[in-house]
Amino acid sequence: MFRLLDLFAGAGGFSRGFKEEGFRIELGVENMPVIAETYAANFPEAKVLASDIREVHSSEILKLLGGRPDVVIGGPPCEGFTRANPRRREDPYERLYDDPLGSLVLHFIRIVGDLEPKVFVMENVPGIVDDGLDVLLRREFAAVGFSKIYFNILRAEDYGTPSHRTRIFISNIPINPPKGRKVVVFEAIKDLPPPDVYHGIPNHEPVPLGPRRLKRISKLKWGEPLVRYRGYKGRVLHNIIRLHPYRVAPTVMGSSRFVHPFEDRLLTVREQARLMGFPDYHVFLGGRDLQFNQVGEAVPVPLARAIAREVKKYLVSEA
């Protein structure tokens, strides 16, 4: 069984996909204490280091693991690189080397260089390679011993995730999983009971909504948003969208809220987690907004599984 370390572990969507493909989850590193508790609750077999990665030394990780991991995965914060951020730095050098969140990518690279895993996979938004940043990233990885780097752009909906999500996975091996069938919104959530009755399903409580907003969402058609706002360079973005039941959902972000296709209410955290492919036994701790954020910041589980299968194939061939 191959050993795995998850940096920027979050709620564990990336780890969940690897676990379901037979990897042994050894350690998760997560800065926020409540989110670290979520990770620990879902991976009781793993150690959890609730520390700022800037203060984590690789020797500490090696001591906790008792040796080098076979695989290192992780998704450093994307805020410094995403085109949805109206405050994204104009200068790509500043995004990587000066932005407090963007520069966390360098700590992923530092630890990967120290631990020398057989495979690493780093997830982020495609904007991380905008404006020549791919050249800088290649240089940084080469400096720690990884001269061959692949920028794998994958769409979660191609691998059975019921929501759109295009992400780049930077790795030392090519990752191009065979595509699966599309899963639409209603197929993903139709078997969940109403949230206002007792059901015992975690994170499936109703989301409060004021009468004025309730009246406004009752008029929304499928695919129509209640809120429009501007992102980087004036890009128009939408929120509080009534989902089309027979299509793949829009990208689930931490701030995303969706209206049920047939009912005049917001989706619960559990329904939103279904749109990211999480099984119902994967729980989210903390307040409701933090739960939504954990879901939206995760790597979708079906996509993580597809990547894990490719990594496993490579490791087996190299054994």
Protein backbone atom coordinates (compact mmCIF):
# COMPACT_ATOMS: atom_id res chain seq x y z
CA MET A 1 0.00 0.00 0.00
CA PHE A 2 1.45 3.35 -1.06
CA ARG A 3 1.94 6.02 1.61
CA LEU A 4 0.51 9.51 1.11
CA LEU A 5 1.11 12.99 2.56
CA ASP A 6 -1.48 15.72 1.94
CA LEU A 7 -0.28 19.34 2.23
CA PHE A 8 -2.95 22.06 2.47
CA ALA A 9 -5.23 19.14 3.25
CA GLY A 10 -8.46 21.09 3.82
CA ALA A 11 -11.51 18.91 4.38
CA GLY A 12 -9.84 16.04 2.56
CA GLY A 13 -11.43 15.80 -0.89
CA PHE A 14 -8.06 15.04 -2.52
CA SER A 15 -7.19 12.49 0.19
CA ARG A 16 -10.65 10.90 -0.02
CA GLY A 17 -10.13 10.09 -3.70
CA PHE A 18 -6.74 8.51 -3.00
CA LYS A 19 -8.04 6.57 -0.01
CA GLU A 20 -10.84 5.10 -2.10
CA GLU A 21 -8.18 3.89 -4.54
CA GLY A 22 -6.29 2.05 -1.80
CA PHE A 23 -3.62 4.57 -0.75
CA ARG A 24 -2.67 4.79 2.91
CA ILE A 25 -3.30 8.32 4.17
CA GLU A 26 -0.43 8.95 6.58
CA LEU A 27 -0.47 12.68 7.34
CA GLY A 28 -2.44 15.81 6.56
CA VAL A 29 -1.07 19.32 7.08
CA GLU A 30 -3.77 21.98 7.53
CA ASN A 31 -3.44 25.44 9.01
CA MET A 32 -6.99 26.11 10.26
CA PRO A 33 -7.73 24.18 13.49
CA VAL A 34 -11.42 23.50 12.79
CA ILE A 35 -10.68 22.28 9.27
CA ALA A 36 -7.85 20.14 10.66
CA GLU A 37 -10.49 18.62 12.97
CA THR A 38 -12.65 17.88 9.92
CA TYR A 39 -9.71 16.12 8.29
CA ALA A 40 -8.97 14.12 11.45
CA ALA A 41 -12.62 13.08 11.77
CA ASN A 42 -12.64 11.71 8.23
CA PHE A 43 -9.21 10.07 8.29
CA PRO A 44 -8.81 8.65 11.81
CA GLU A 45 -5.94 6.46 10.62
CA ALA A 46 -3.85 9.52 9.71
CA LYS A 47 -1.83 11.97 11.76
CA VAL A 48 -2.83 15.62 11.40
CA LEU A 49 -0.44 18.54 11.76
CA ALA A 50 -2.44 21.73 12.41
CA SER A 51 0.31 24.20 11.56
CA ASP A 52 1.10 27.01 9.17
CA ILE A 53 3.13 25.37 6.41
CA ARG A 54 5.57 28.29 6.50
CA GLU A 55 6.60 27.08 9.94
CA VAL A 56 6.69 23.36 9.13
CA HIS A 57 10.14 21.86 8.66
CA SER A 58 10.49 18.79 6.48
CA SER A 59 12.35 17.01 9.28
CA GLU A 60 9.21 17.31 11.41
CA ILE A 61 7.17 15.65 8.66
CA LEU A 62 9.73 12.86 8.27
CA LYS A 63 9.65 12.26 12.01
CA LEU A 64 5.84 12.03 12.04
CA LEU A 65 5.82 9.71 9.01
CA GLY A 66 8.75 7.59 10.09
CA GLY A 67 10.17 7.78 6.57
CA ARG A 68 9.54 9.27 3.14
CA PRO A 69 6.06 9.17 1.60
CA ASP A 70 5.50 7.61 -1.80
CA VAL A 71 3.16 10.42 -2.85
CA VAL A 72 2.74 14.07 -1.87
CA ILE A 73 -0.47 15.84 -2.90
CA GLY A 74 -1.87 19.25 -2.04
CA GLY A 75 -3.75 22.31 -3.16
CA PRO A 76 -2.14 25.58 -2.05
CA PRO A 77 -4.58 28.53 -1.84
CA CYS A 78 -5.64 29.79 -5.26
CA GLU A 79 -6.68 33.35 -4.32
CA GLY A 80 -3.43 34.87 -5.58
CA PHE A 81 -3.86 33.31 -9.01
CA THR A 82 -7.57 33.00 -9.74
CA ARG A 83 -9.15 35.25 -12.36
CA ALA A 84 -12.21 35.49 -10.11
CA ASN A 85 -10.20 37.62 -7.66
CA PRO A 86 -10.58 41.32 -8.56
CA ARG A 87 -7.47 42.06 -6.45
CA ARG A 88 -5.16 39.61 -8.22
CA ARG A 89 -1.73 41.22 -8.66
CA GLU A 90 -0.97 42.50 -12.16
CA ASP A 91 2.67 41.40 -11.98
CA PRO A 92 2.98 37.57 -12.16
CA TYR A 93 6.25 37.72 -10.16
CA GLU A 94 4.36 39.37 -7.32
CA ARG A 95 1.65 36.69 -7.43
CA LEU A 96 4.20 33.95 -6.80
CA TYR A 97 6.87 35.66 -4.71
CA ASP A 98 5.15 38.51 -2.86
CA ASP A 99 1.46 37.68 -2.44
CA PRO A 100 1.08 36.08 1.04
CA LEU A 101 -1.18 33.32 -0.27
CA GLY A 102 0.37 32.87 -3.71
CA SER A 103 3.83 32.40 -2.22
CA LEU A 104 2.60 29.36 -0.27
CA VAL A 105 3.15 27.40 -3.50
CA LEU A 106 6.88 27.79 -2.85
CA HIS A 107 6.50 25.94 0.45
CA PHE A 108 4.82 23.02 -1.32
CA ILE A 109 7.82 22.95 -3.69
CA ARG A 110 10.26 23.21 -0.76
CA ILE A 111 8.77 20.23 1.05
CA VAL A 112 8.51 18.13 -2.12
CA GLY A 113 12.17 18.84 -2.79
CA ASP A 114 13.15 17.80 0.73
CA LEU A 115 11.03 14.62 0.84
CA GLU A 116 11.72 13.43 -2.73
CA PRO A 117 8.49 11.45 -3.17
CA LYS A 118 8.09 9.14 -6.15
CA VAL A 119 5.13 11.24 -7.27
CA PHE A 120 3.78 14.65 -6.37
CA VAL A 121 0.57 16.31 -7.56
CA MET A 122 -0.20 19.95 -6.82
CA GLU A 123 -3.69 21.30 -7.57
CA ASN A 124 -4.56 24.89 -8.37
CA VAL A 125 -6.55 27.10 -10.74
CA PRO A 126 -5.41 27.36 -14.38
CA GLY A 127 -4.58 31.02 -13.68
CA ILE A 128 -1.46 29.84 -11.86
CA VAL A 129 0.27 29.58 -15.25
CA ASP A 130 -0.96 32.91 -16.63
CA ASP A 131 1.54 35.48 -17.91
CA GLY A 132 4.52 33.12 -18.03
CA LEU A 133 4.21 31.79 -14.49
CA ASP A 134 4.67 28.25 -15.83
CA VAL A 135 8.29 29.17 -16.62
CA LEU A 136 8.87 30.35 -13.07
CA LEU A 137 7.27 27.21 -11.65
CA ARG A 138 9.42 24.96 -13.83
CA ARG A 139 12.48 26.84 -12.57
CA GLU A 140 11.45 26.43 -8.92
CA PHE A 141 10.77 22.71 -9.26
CA ALA A 142 14.05 22.19 -11.15
CA ALA A 143 15.88 23.92 -8.31
CA VAL A 144 14.72 21.19 -5.88
CA GLY A 145 15.51 18.30 -8.22
CA PHE A 146 12.43 17.86 -10.43
CA SER A 147 13.45 18.90 -13.93
CA LYS A 148 10.52 17.28 -15.74
CA ILE A 149 7.17 18.87 -14.86
CA TYR A 150 3.72 18.33 -16.37
CA PHE A 151 0.85 20.83 -16.35
CA ASN A 152 -2.24 18.64 -16.54
CA ILE A 153 -5.50 20.54 -17.08
CA LEU A 154 -8.49 18.41 -16.09
CA ARG A 155 -12.23 19.06 -15.98
CA ALA A 156 -14.01 17.48 -13.02
CA GLU A 157 -17.24 16.96 -14.98
CA ASP A 158 -15.36 14.61 -17.34
CA TYR A 159 -14.83 12.18 -14.45
CA GLY A 160 -18.30 11.88 -12.92
CA THR A 161 -18.41 15.06 -10.82
CA PRO A 162 -21.89 16.68 -11.00
CA SER A 163 -20.39 20.19 -11.22
CA HIS A 164 -18.06 22.03 -13.58
CA ARG A 165 -14.52 22.59 -12.34
CA THR A 166 -11.42 23.13 -14.45
CA ARG A 167 -8.19 22.79 -12.52
CA ILE A 168 -4.52 22.35 -13.25
CA PHE A 169 -2.59 19.51 -11.61
CA ILE A 170 1.14 20.10 -11.65
CA SER A 171 3.07 16.86 -11.29
CA ASN A 172 6.25 14.99 -12.12
CA ILE A 173 4.33 12.41 -14.17
CA PRO A 174 1.77 12.87 -16.96
CA ILE A 175 -1.80 12.57 -15.70
CA ASN A 176 -4.45 11.95 -18.35
CA PRO A 177 -7.16 9.65 -16.96
CA PRO A 178 -9.76 8.12 -19.29
CA LYS A 179 -12.98 10.11 -19.16
CA GLY A 180 -16.15 8.77 -17.55
CA ARG A 181 -19.83 9.53 -17.97
CA LYS A 182 -21.45 12.85 -17.10
CA VAL A 183 -23.53 13.06 -13.90
CA VAL A 184 -26.20 15.79 -13.71
CA VAL A 185 -27.50 17.69 -10.69
CA PHE A 186 -30.75 15.84 -10.09
CA GLU A 187 -29.09 12.44 -10.37
CA ALA A 188 -26.68 13.53 -7.64
CA ILE A 189 -29.19 14.89 -5.10
CA LYS A 190 -32.58 13.34 -5.87
CA ASP A 191 -32.44 10.59 -3.22
CA LEU A 192 -31.75 12.94 -0.31
CA PRO A 193 -34.75 13.51 2.00
CA PRO A 194 -36.09 17.03 2.61
CA PRO A 195 -33.74 18.88 4.99
CA ASP A 196 -36.52 19.96 7.36
CA VAL A 197 -37.36 16.41 8.52
CA TYR A 198 -35.27 14.10 10.72
CA HIS A 199 -32.97 11.98 8.58
CA GLY A 200 -29.65 11.52 10.42
CA ILE A 201 -27.62 12.63 7.40
CA PRO A 202 -24.72 14.89 8.47
CA ASN A 203 -24.58 18.48 7.17
CA HIS A 204 -28.10 18.28 5.71
CA GLU A 205 -29.79 20.97 7.78
CA PRO A 206 -31.94 23.67 6.09
CA VAL A 207 -30.21 26.95 5.27
CA PRO A 208 -32.14 29.97 6.66
CA LEU A 209 -33.48 32.44 4.12
CA GLY A 210 -35.29 35.74 4.79
CA PRO A 211 -38.79 36.31 3.37
CA ARG A 212 -37.64 38.99 0.90
CA ARG A 213 -34.90 36.81 -0.58
CA LEU A 214 -37.23 33.80 -0.56
CA LYS A 215 -39.69 35.76 -2.67
CA ARG A 216 -36.94 36.73 -5.12
CA ILE A 217 -35.55 33.23 -5.57
CA SER A 218 -39.06 31.85 -6.15
CA LYS A 219 -39.03 33.76 -9.46
CA LEU A 220 -35.70 32.36 -10.69
CA LYS A 221 -35.70 30.08 -13.71
CA TRP A 222 -33.26 27.20 -14.17
CA GLY A 223 -29.76 28.56 -14.64
CA GLU A 224 -30.71 32.09 -13.59
CA PRO A 225 -28.64 33.88 -10.89
CA LEU A 226 -29.95 36.19 -8.19
CA VAL A 227 -26.56 37.89 -7.76
CA ARG A 228 -24.06 39.23 -10.32
CA TYR A 229 -20.68 40.67 -9.38
CA ARG A 230 -17.35 41.54 -10.99
CA GLY A 231 -14.11 39.58 -10.73
CA TYR A 232 -10.62 40.20 -12.15
CA LYS A 233 -10.62 42.84 -14.93
CA GLY A 234 -14.40 43.25 -14.74
CA ARG A 235 -15.27 39.62 -15.44
CA VAL A 236 -18.96 39.10 -14.54
CA LEU A 237 -19.59 36.27 -12.07
CA HIS A 238 -22.85 34.83 -10.72
CA ASN A 239 -24.11 33.49 -7.39
CA ILE A 240 -27.34 32.12 -5.87
CA ILE A 241 -28.17 30.30 -9.10
CA ARG A 242 -31.20 28.07 -9.51
CA LEU A 243 -29.67 24.83 -10.69
CA HIS A 244 -30.79 23.15 -13.89
CA PRO A 245 -31.70 19.61 -12.81
CA TYR A 246 -30.60 17.90 -16.01
CA ARG A 247 -27.26 19.62 -16.46
CA VAL A 248 -23.94 19.67 -14.62
CA ALA A 249 -23.89 22.38 -11.91
CA PRO A 250 -21.70 25.49 -12.17
CA THR A 251 -18.38 25.52 -10.35
CA VAL A 252 -18.80 25.08 -6.60
CA MET A 253 -16.75 27.67 -4.72
CA GLY A 254 -16.56 28.44 -1.02
CA SER A 255 -18.88 31.40 -1.46
CA SER A 256 -21.27 29.55 -3.79
CA ARG A 257 -24.89 29.17 -2.83
CA PHE A 258 -27.34 27.38 -5.11
CA VAL A 259 -31.12 27.25 -5.29
CA HIS A 260 -32.73 23.82 -5.51
CA PRO A 261 -34.00 23.00 -9.02
CA PHE A 262 -37.59 22.33 -7.90
CA GLU A 263 -37.90 23.84 -4.41
CA ASP A 264 -37.66 27.48 -3.30
CA ARG A 265 -34.74 27.02 -0.92
CA LEU A 266 -30.96 26.97 -0.89
CA LEU A 267 -29.08 23.72 -1.18
CA THR A 268 -27.79 22.28 2.09
CA VAL A 269 -24.11 21.69 2.74
CA ARG A 270 -24.70 17.98 2.09
CA GLU A 271 -26.37 18.61 -1.26
CA GLN A 272 -23.50 20.88 -2.24
CA ALA A 273 -21.05 18.18 -1.10
CA ARG A 274 -22.90 15.74 -3.39
CA LEU A 275 -22.16 18.14 -6.27
CA MET A 276 -18.47 17.66 -5.44
CA GLY A 277 -18.77 13.88 -5.26
CA PHE A 278 -18.34 13.53 -1.49
CA PRO A 279 -19.90 10.43 0.09
CA ASP A 280 -22.47 11.16 2.81
CA TYR A 281 -20.20 9.70 5.50
CA HIS A 282 -17.64 12.44 4.86
CA VAL A 283 -18.49 15.05 7.50
CA PHE A 284 -17.76 18.79 7.71
CA LEU A 285 -17.24 20.46 11.10
CA GLY A 286 -17.53 24.09 12.17
CA GLY A 287 -20.17 26.71 11.40
CA ARG A 288 -22.35 26.45 8.31
CA ASP A 289 -20.43 29.03 6.27
CA LEU A 290 -17.16 27.27 7.08
CA GLN A 291 -18.72 23.96 6.05
CA PHE A 292 -19.73 25.44 2.68
CA ASN A 293 -16.22 26.84 2.33
CA GLN A 294 -14.63 23.44 3.01
CA VAL A 295 -16.77 21.88 0.30
CA GLY A 296 -16.03 24.61 -2.23
CA GLU A 297 -12.27 24.59 -1.62
CA ALA A 298 -11.91 20.82 -2.06
CA VAL A 299 -10.71 18.73 -4.98
CA PRO A 300 -13.85 16.90 -6.20
CA VAL A 301 -13.67 13.29 -5.05
CA PRO A 302 -14.39 11.60 -8.42
CA LEU A 303 -11.63 13.66 -10.04
CA ALA A 304 -9.27 12.84 -7.17
CA ARG A 305 -10.01 9.13 -7.67
CA ALA A 306 -9.28 9.37 -11.39
CA ILE A 307 -5.93 11.01 -10.62
CA ALA A 308 -5.18 8.44 -7.92
CA ARG A 309 -5.73 5.60 -10.40
CA GLU A 310 -3.17 7.15 -12.76
CA VAL A 311 -0.67 7.62 -9.94
CA LYS A 312 -1.18 4.04 -8.75
CA LYS A 313 -0.67 2.74 -12.29
CA TYR A 314 2.63 4.57 -12.48
CA LEU A 315 3.83 3.42 -9.05
CA VAL A 316 2.97 -0.20 -9.78
CA SER A 317 4.81 -0.07 -13.11
CA GLU A 318 7.88 1.39 -11.39
CA ALA A 319 7.88 -1.08 -8.47
